Amino acid sequence: AARASPMQALKSAVKKAAAKTAKSGKPRK
């Protein structure tokens, strides 16, 4: 839960979205 800072949490969300974007070839909906 609170082990990350807001910046780390944002990085994590960006990484996940980037991985899904790369997989599907289109932006995350």
Full PDB file with SEQRES, HELIX, SHEET, SSBOND, CRYST1, ORIGX, SCALE, CONECT and MASTER records, all heavy atoms in Angstrom:
SEQRES   1 A   29  ALA ALA ARG ALA SER PRO MET GLN ALA LEU LYS SER ALA          
SEQRES   2 A   29  VAL LYS LYS ALA ALA ALA LYS THR ALA LYS SER GLY LYS          
SEQRES   3 A   29  PRO ARG LYS                                                  
HELIX    1 AA1 PRO A    6  SER A   24  1                                  19    
CRYST1    1.000    1.000    1.000  90.00  90.00  90.00 P 1           1          
ORIGX1      1.000000  0.000000  0.000000        0.00000                         
ORIGX2      0.000000  1.000000  0.000000        0.00000                         
ORIGX3      0.000000  0.000000  1.000000        0.00000                         
SCALE1      1.000000  0.000000  0.000000        0.00000                         
SCALE2      0.000000  1.000000  0.000000        0.00000                         
SCALE3      0.000000  0.000000  1.000000        0.00000                         
ATOM      1  N   ALA A   1       0.767  -1.222   0.000  1.00  0.00           N  
ATOM      2  CA  ALA A   1       0.000   0.000   0.000  1.00  0.00           C  
ATOM      3  C   ALA A   1       0.802   1.277   0.000  1.00  0.00           C  
ATOM      4  O   ALA A   1       1.037   1.862  -1.047  1.00  0.00           O  
ATOM      5  CB  ALA A   1      -0.952   0.001   1.173  1.00  0.00           C  
ATOM      6  N   ALA A   2       1.210   1.732   1.146  1.00  0.00           N  
ATOM      7  CA  ALA A   2       1.824   3.057   1.211  1.00  0.00           C  
ATOM      8  C   ALA A   2       3.328   3.001   1.147  1.00  0.00           C  
ATOM      9  O   ALA A   2       4.006   3.831   1.694  1.00  0.00           O  
ATOM     10  CB  ALA A   2       1.383   3.759   2.485  1.00  0.00           C  
ATOM     11  N   ARG A   3       3.851   2.021   0.463  1.00  0.00           N  
ATOM     12  CA  ARG A   3       5.303   1.898   0.391  1.00  0.00           C  
ATOM     13  C   ARG A   3       5.869   2.814  -0.673  1.00  0.00           C  
ATOM     14  O   ARG A   3       7.062   3.052  -0.726  1.00  0.00           O  
ATOM     15  CB  ARG A   3       5.712   0.454   0.063  1.00  0.00           C  
ATOM     16  CG  ARG A   3       5.052  -0.578   0.964  1.00  0.00           C  
ATOM     17  CD  ARG A   3       5.294  -0.306   2.433  1.00  0.00           C  
ATOM     18  NE  ARG A   3       4.756  -1.359   3.267  1.00  0.00           N  
ATOM     19  CZ  ARG A   3       4.643  -1.280   4.573  1.00  0.00           C  
ATOM     20  NH1 ARG A   3       5.017  -0.198   5.202  1.00  0.00           N  
ATOM     21  NH2 ARG A   3       4.159  -2.274   5.271  1.00  0.00           N  
ATOM     22  N   ALA A   4       5.005   3.310  -1.541  1.00  0.00           N  
ATOM     23  CA  ALA A   4       5.489   4.150  -2.637  1.00  0.00           C  
ATOM     24  C   ALA A   4       5.154   5.601  -2.373  1.00  0.00           C  
ATOM     25  O   ALA A   4       4.219   5.915  -1.663  1.00  0.00           O  
ATOM     26  CB  ALA A   4       4.859   3.708  -3.955  1.00  0.00           C  
ATOM     27  N   SER A   5       5.929   6.493  -2.973  1.00  0.00           N  
ATOM     28  CA  SER A   5       5.608   7.912  -2.956  1.00  0.00           C  
ATOM     29  C   SER A   5       4.632   8.177  -4.086  1.00  0.00           C  
ATOM     30  O   SER A   5       4.452   7.332  -4.964  1.00  0.00           O  
ATOM     31  CB  SER A   5       6.880   8.728  -3.179  1.00  0.00           C  
ATOM     32  OG  SER A   5       7.332   8.526  -4.499  1.00  0.00           O  
ATOM     33  N   PRO A   6       3.968   9.346  -4.115  1.00  0.00           N  
ATOM     34  CA  PRO A   6       3.076   9.631  -5.238  1.00  0.00           C  
ATOM     35  C   PRO A   6       3.795   9.600  -6.572  1.00  0.00           C  
ATOM     36  O   PRO A   6       3.233   9.190  -7.579  1.00  0.00           O  
ATOM     37  CB  PRO A   6       2.536  11.040  -4.921  1.00  0.00           C  
ATOM     38  CG  PRO A   6       3.413  11.575  -3.847  1.00  0.00           C  
ATOM     39  CD  PRO A   6       3.942  10.404  -3.113  1.00  0.00           C  
ATOM     40  N   MET A   7       5.078  10.027  -6.590  1.00  0.00           N  
ATOM     41  CA  MET A   7       5.826   9.991  -7.845  1.00  0.00           C  
ATOM     42  C   MET A   7       6.087   8.558  -8.274  1.00  0.00           C  
ATOM     43  O   MET A   7       5.964   8.210  -9.447  1.00  0.00           O  
ATOM     44  CB  MET A   7       7.144  10.744  -7.683  1.00  0.00           C  
ATOM     45  CG  MET A   7       7.893  10.943  -8.992  1.00  0.00           C  
ATOM     46  SD  MET A   7       6.918  11.867 -10.188  1.00  0.00           S  
ATOM     47  CE  MET A   7       7.014  13.507  -9.496  1.00  0.00           C  
ATOM     48  N   GLN A   8       6.409   7.676  -7.299  1.00  0.00           N  
ATOM     49  CA  GLN A   8       6.614   6.268  -7.626  1.00  0.00           C  
ATOM     50  C   GLN A   8       5.317   5.649  -8.117  1.00  0.00           C  
ATOM     51  O   GLN A   8       5.311   4.840  -9.034  1.00  0.00           O  
ATOM     52  CB  GLN A   8       7.131   5.518  -6.398  1.00  0.00           C  
ATOM     53  CG  GLN A   8       8.567   5.854  -6.027  1.00  0.00           C  
ATOM     54  CD  GLN A   8       8.936   5.286  -4.675  1.00  0.00           C  
ATOM     55  OE1 GLN A   8       8.112   5.180  -3.785  1.00  0.00           O  
ATOM     56  NE2 GLN A   8      10.194   4.923  -4.533  1.00  0.00           N  
ATOM     57  N   ALA A   9       4.207   6.015  -7.472  1.00  0.00           N  
ATOM     58  CA  ALA A   9       2.916   5.483  -7.891  1.00  0.00           C  
ATOM     59  C   ALA A   9       2.586   5.921  -9.308  1.00  0.00           C  
ATOM     60  O   ALA A   9       2.085   5.144 -10.123  1.00  0.00           O  
ATOM     61  CB  ALA A   9       1.819   5.961  -6.931  1.00  0.00           C  
ATOM     62  N   LEU A  10       2.885   7.177  -9.618  1.00  0.00           N  
ATOM     63  CA  LEU A  10       2.626   7.682 -10.960  1.00  0.00           C  
ATOM     64  C   LEU A  10       3.513   6.979 -11.975  1.00  0.00           C  
ATOM     65  O   LEU A  10       3.069   6.600 -13.059  1.00  0.00           O  
ATOM     66  CB  LEU A  10       2.881   9.191 -10.992  1.00  0.00           C  
ATOM     67  CG  LEU A  10       2.482   9.917 -12.280  1.00  0.00           C  
ATOM     68  CD1 LEU A  10       1.011   9.696 -12.578  1.00  0.00           C  
ATOM     69  CD2 LEU A  10       2.770  11.390 -12.162  1.00  0.00           C  
ATOM     70  N   LYS A  11       4.803   6.767 -11.598  1.00  0.00           N  
ATOM     71  CA  LYS A  11       5.705   6.031 -12.486  1.00  0.00           C  
ATOM     72  C   LYS A  11       5.156   4.642 -12.767  1.00  0.00           C  
ATOM     73  O   LYS A  11       5.203   4.155 -13.892  1.00  0.00           O  
ATOM     74  CB  LYS A  11       7.091   5.904 -11.841  1.00  0.00           C  
ATOM     75  CG  LYS A  11       7.951   7.149 -11.919  1.00  0.00           C  
ATOM     76  CD  LYS A  11       9.310   6.846 -11.303  1.00  0.00           C  
ATOM     77  CE  LYS A  11      10.203   8.082 -11.306  1.00  0.00           C  
ATOM     78  NZ  LYS A  11      11.497   7.811 -10.664  1.00  0.00           N  
ATOM     79  N   SER A  12       4.639   3.991 -11.706  1.00  0.00           N  
ATOM     80  CA  SER A  12       4.108   2.639 -11.860  1.00  0.00           C  
ATOM     81  C   SER A  12       2.929   2.629 -12.818  1.00  0.00           C  
ATOM     82  O   SER A  12       2.817   1.763 -13.687  1.00  0.00           O  
ATOM     83  CB  SER A  12       3.682   2.103 -10.491  1.00  0.00           C  
ATOM     84  OG  SER A  12       3.085   0.847 -10.621  1.00  0.00           O  
ATOM     85  N   ALA A  13       2.028   3.618 -12.669  1.00  0.00           N  
ATOM     86  CA  ALA A  13       0.874   3.698 -13.560  1.00  0.00           C  
ATOM     87  C   ALA A  13       1.305   3.934 -15.000  1.00  0.00           C  
ATOM     88  O   ALA A  13       0.771   3.337 -15.934  1.00  0.00           O  
ATOM     89  CB  ALA A  13      -0.069   4.817 -13.101  1.00  0.00           C  
ATOM     90  N   VAL A  14       2.314   4.804 -15.168  1.00  0.00           N  
ATOM     91  CA  VAL A  14       2.833   5.086 -16.509  1.00  0.00           C  
ATOM     92  C   VAL A  14       3.447   3.843 -17.123  1.00  0.00           C  
ATOM     93  O   VAL A  14       3.236   3.523 -18.293  1.00  0.00           O  
ATOM     94  CB  VAL A  14       3.867   6.235 -16.457  1.00  0.00           C  
ATOM     95  CG1 VAL A  14       4.640   6.334 -17.747  1.00  0.00           C  
ATOM     96  CG2 VAL A  14       3.172   7.552 -16.169  1.00  0.00           C  
ATOM     97  N   LYS A  15       4.217   3.081 -16.297  1.00  0.00           N  
ATOM     98  CA  LYS A  15       4.842   1.853 -16.796  1.00  0.00           C  
ATOM     99  C   LYS A  15       3.792   0.848 -17.241  1.00  0.00           C  
ATOM    100  O   LYS A  15       3.901   0.222 -18.289  1.00  0.00           O  
ATOM    101  CB  LYS A  15       5.720   1.227 -15.700  1.00  0.00           C  
ATOM    102  CG  LYS A  15       7.116   1.806 -15.603  1.00  0.00           C  
ATOM    103  CD  LYS A  15       7.928   1.017 -14.592  1.00  0.00           C  
ATOM    104  CE  LYS A  15       9.350   1.569 -14.509  1.00  0.00           C  
ATOM    105  NZ  LYS A  15      10.137   0.823 -13.507  1.00  0.00           N  
ATOM    106  N   LYS A  16       2.747   0.666 -16.405  1.00  0.00           N  
ATOM    107  CA  LYS A  16       1.695  -0.295 -16.739  1.00  0.00           C  
ATOM    108  C   LYS A  16       0.989   0.098 -18.024  1.00  0.00           C  
ATOM    109  O   LYS A  16       0.756  -0.722 -18.908  1.00  0.00           O  
ATOM    110  CB  LYS A  16       0.677  -0.373 -15.597  1.00  0.00           C  
ATOM    111  CG  LYS A  16       1.173  -1.127 -14.376  1.00  0.00           C  
ATOM    112  CD  LYS A  16       0.097  -1.123 -13.307  1.00  0.00           C  
ATOM    113  CE  LYS A  16       0.604  -1.784 -12.027  1.00  0.00           C  
ATOM    114  NZ  LYS A  16      -0.399  -1.687 -10.950  1.00  0.00           N  
ATOM    115  N   ALA A  17       0.647   1.385 -18.107  1.00  0.00           N  
ATOM    116  CA  ALA A  17      -0.051   1.851 -19.304  1.00  0.00           C  
ATOM    117  C   ALA A  17       0.817   1.710 -20.542  1.00  0.00           C  
ATOM    118  O   ALA A  17       0.354   1.350 -21.618  1.00  0.00           O  
ATOM    119  CB  ALA A  17      -0.492   3.300 -19.127  1.00  0.00           C  
ATOM    120  N   ALA A  18       2.138   1.974 -20.379  1.00  0.00           N  
ATOM    121  CA  ALA A  18       3.061   1.851 -21.507  1.00  0.00           C  
ATOM    122  C   ALA A  18       3.152   0.407 -21.977  1.00  0.00           C  
ATOM    123  O   ALA A  18       3.177   0.117 -23.171  1.00  0.00           O  
ATOM    124  CB  ALA A  18       4.446   2.357 -21.111  1.00  0.00           C  
ATOM    125  N   ALA A  19       3.188  -0.527 -20.995  1.00  0.00           N  
ATOM    126  CA  ALA A  19       3.274  -1.942 -21.353  1.00  0.00           C  
ATOM    127  C   ALA A  19       2.031  -2.388 -22.100  1.00  0.00           C  
ATOM    128  O   ALA A  19       2.095  -3.115 -23.098  1.00  0.00           O  
ATOM    129  CB  ALA A  19       3.457  -2.778 -20.092  1.00  0.00           C  
ATOM    130  N   LYS A  20       0.854  -1.919 -21.630  1.00  0.00           N  
ATOM    131  CA  LYS A  20      -0.390  -2.303 -22.297  1.00  0.00           C  
ATOM    132  C   LYS A  20      -0.493  -1.666 -23.669  1.00  0.00           C  
ATOM    133  O   LYS A  20      -1.003  -2.249 -24.613  1.00  0.00           O  
ATOM    134  CB  LYS A  20      -1.580  -1.908 -21.421  1.00  0.00           C  
ATOM    135  CG  LYS A  20      -1.703  -2.819 -20.200  1.00  0.00           C  
ATOM    136  CD  LYS A  20      -2.716  -2.282 -19.211  1.00  0.00           C  
ATOM    137  CE  LYS A  20      -2.749  -3.175 -17.976  1.00  0.00           C  
ATOM    138  NZ  LYS A  20      -3.542  -2.608 -16.895  1.00  0.00           N  
ATOM    139  N   THR A  21       0.008  -0.424 -23.775  1.00  0.00           N  
ATOM    140  CA  THR A  21       0.011   0.255 -25.069  1.00  0.00           C  
ATOM    141  C   THR A  21       0.886  -0.489 -26.068  1.00  0.00           C  
ATOM    142  O   THR A  21       0.519  -0.702 -27.224  1.00  0.00           O  
ATOM    143  CB  THR A  21       0.524   1.704 -24.920  1.00  0.00           C  
ATOM    144  OG1 THR A  21      -0.329   2.392 -24.019  1.00  0.00           O  
ATOM    145  CG2 THR A  21       0.529   2.423 -26.250  1.00  0.00           C  
ATOM    146  N   ALA A  22       2.070  -0.906 -25.594  1.00  0.00           N  
ATOM    147  CA  ALA A  22       3.001  -1.623 -26.479  1.00  0.00           C  
ATOM    148  C   ALA A  22       2.411  -2.950 -26.924  1.00  0.00           C  
ATOM    149  O   ALA A  22       2.614  -3.409 -28.043  1.00  0.00           O  
ATOM    150  CB  ALA A  22       4.320  -1.858 -25.745  1.00  0.00           C  
ATOM    151  N   LYS A  23       1.632  -3.582 -26.009  1.00  0.00           N  
ATOM    152  CA  LYS A  23       1.055  -4.888 -26.321  1.00  0.00           C  
ATOM    153  C   LYS A  23      -0.057  -4.771 -27.345  1.00  0.00           C  
ATOM    154  O   LYS A  23      -0.166  -5.539 -28.292  1.00  0.00           O  
ATOM    155  CB  LYS A  23       0.501  -5.497 -25.027  1.00  0.00           C  
ATOM    156  CG  LYS A  23       0.919  -6.929 -24.794  1.00  0.00           C  
ATOM    157  CD  LYS A  23       0.450  -7.379 -23.417  1.00  0.00           C  
ATOM    158  CE  LYS A  23       1.039  -8.750 -23.096  1.00  0.00           C  
ATOM    159  NZ  LYS A  23       0.608  -9.219 -21.774  1.00  0.00           N  
ATOM    160  N   SER A  24      -0.930  -3.768 -27.136  1.00  0.00           N  
ATOM    161  CA  SER A  24      -2.108  -3.646 -27.991  1.00  0.00           C  
ATOM    162  C   SER A  24      -1.871  -2.783 -29.211  1.00  0.00           C  
ATOM    163  O   SER A  24      -2.620  -2.842 -30.175  1.00  0.00           O  
ATOM    164  CB  SER A  24      -3.261  -3.049 -27.184  1.00  0.00           C  
ATOM    165  OG  SER A  24      -2.932  -1.743 -26.791  1.00  0.00           O  
ATOM    166  N   GLY A  25      -0.819  -1.946 -29.148  1.00  0.00           N  
ATOM    167  CA  GLY A  25      -0.535  -1.053 -30.269  1.00  0.00           C  
ATOM    168  C   GLY A  25      -1.390   0.184 -30.264  1.00  0.00           C  
ATOM    169  O   GLY A  25      -1.422   0.960 -31.196  1.00  0.00           O  
ATOM    170  N   LYS A  26      -2.185   0.384 -29.189  1.00  0.00           N  
ATOM    171  CA  LYS A  26      -3.015   1.582 -29.106  1.00  0.00           C  
ATOM    172  C   LYS A  26      -3.104   2.038 -27.658  1.00  0.00           C  
ATOM    173  O   LYS A  26      -2.851   1.267 -26.735  1.00  0.00           O  
ATOM    174  CB  LYS A  26      -4.402   1.328 -29.665  1.00  0.00           C  
ATOM    175  CG  LYS A  26      -5.119   0.157 -29.022  1.00  0.00           C  
ATOM    176  CD  LYS A  26      -6.415  -0.114 -29.750  1.00  0.00           C  
ATOM    177  CE  LYS A  26      -7.137  -1.333 -29.160  1.00  0.00           C  
ATOM    178  NZ  LYS A  26      -8.352  -1.651 -29.877  1.00  0.00           N  
ATOM    179  N   PRO A  27      -3.515   3.284 -27.425  1.00  0.00           N  
ATOM    180  CA  PRO A  27      -3.555   3.798 -26.065  1.00  0.00           C  
ATOM    181  C   PRO A  27      -4.519   3.023 -25.181  1.00  0.00           C  
ATOM    182  O   PRO A  27      -5.500   2.453 -25.656  1.00  0.00           O  
ATOM    183  CB  PRO A  27      -4.012   5.259 -26.236  1.00  0.00           C  
ATOM    184  CG  PRO A  27      -3.715   5.582 -27.645  1.00  0.00           C  
ATOM    185  CD  PRO A  27      -3.855   4.301 -28.402  1.00  0.00           C  
ATOM    186  N   ARG A  28      -4.243   3.016 -23.896  1.00  0.00           N  
ATOM    187  CA  ARG A  28      -5.085   2.369 -22.902  1.00  0.00           C  
ATOM    188  C   ARG A  28      -6.424   3.072 -22.797  1.00  0.00           C  
ATOM    189  O   ARG A  28      -6.500   4.283 -22.716  1.00  0.00           O  
ATOM    190  CB  ARG A  28      -4.356   2.429 -21.553  1.00  0.00           C  
ATOM    191  CG  ARG A  28      -5.205   2.128 -20.348  1.00  0.00           C  
ATOM    192  CD  ARG A  28      -5.145   0.682 -20.028  1.00  0.00           C  
ATOM    193  NE  ARG A  28      -5.870   0.409 -18.794  1.00  0.00           N  
ATOM    194  CZ  ARG A  28      -6.516  -0.725 -18.609  1.00  0.00           C  
ATOM    195  NH1 ARG A  28      -6.532  -1.645 -19.537  1.00  0.00           N  
ATOM    196  NH2 ARG A  28      -7.123  -0.951 -17.464  1.00  0.00           N  
ATOM    197  N   LYS A  29      -7.517   2.293 -22.820  1.00  0.00           N  
ATOM    198  CA  LYS A  29      -8.838   2.878 -22.664  1.00  0.00           C  
ATOM    199  C   LYS A  29      -9.274   2.816 -21.208  1.00  0.00           C  
ATOM    200  O   LYS A  29      -8.814   1.974 -20.447  1.00  0.00           O  
ATOM    201  CB  LYS A  29      -9.858   2.123 -23.518  1.00  0.00           C  
ATOM    202  CG  LYS A  29      -9.664   2.347 -25.010  1.00  0.00           C  
ATOM    203  CD  LYS A  29     -10.755   1.659 -25.781  1.00  0.00           C  
ATOM    204  CE  LYS A  29     -10.596   1.892 -27.288  1.00  0.00           C  
ATOM    205  NZ  LYS A  29     -11.621   1.174 -28.048  1.00  0.00           N  
TER     206      LYS A  29                                                      
MASTER        0    0    0    1    0    0    0    6  205    1    0    3          
END                                                                             
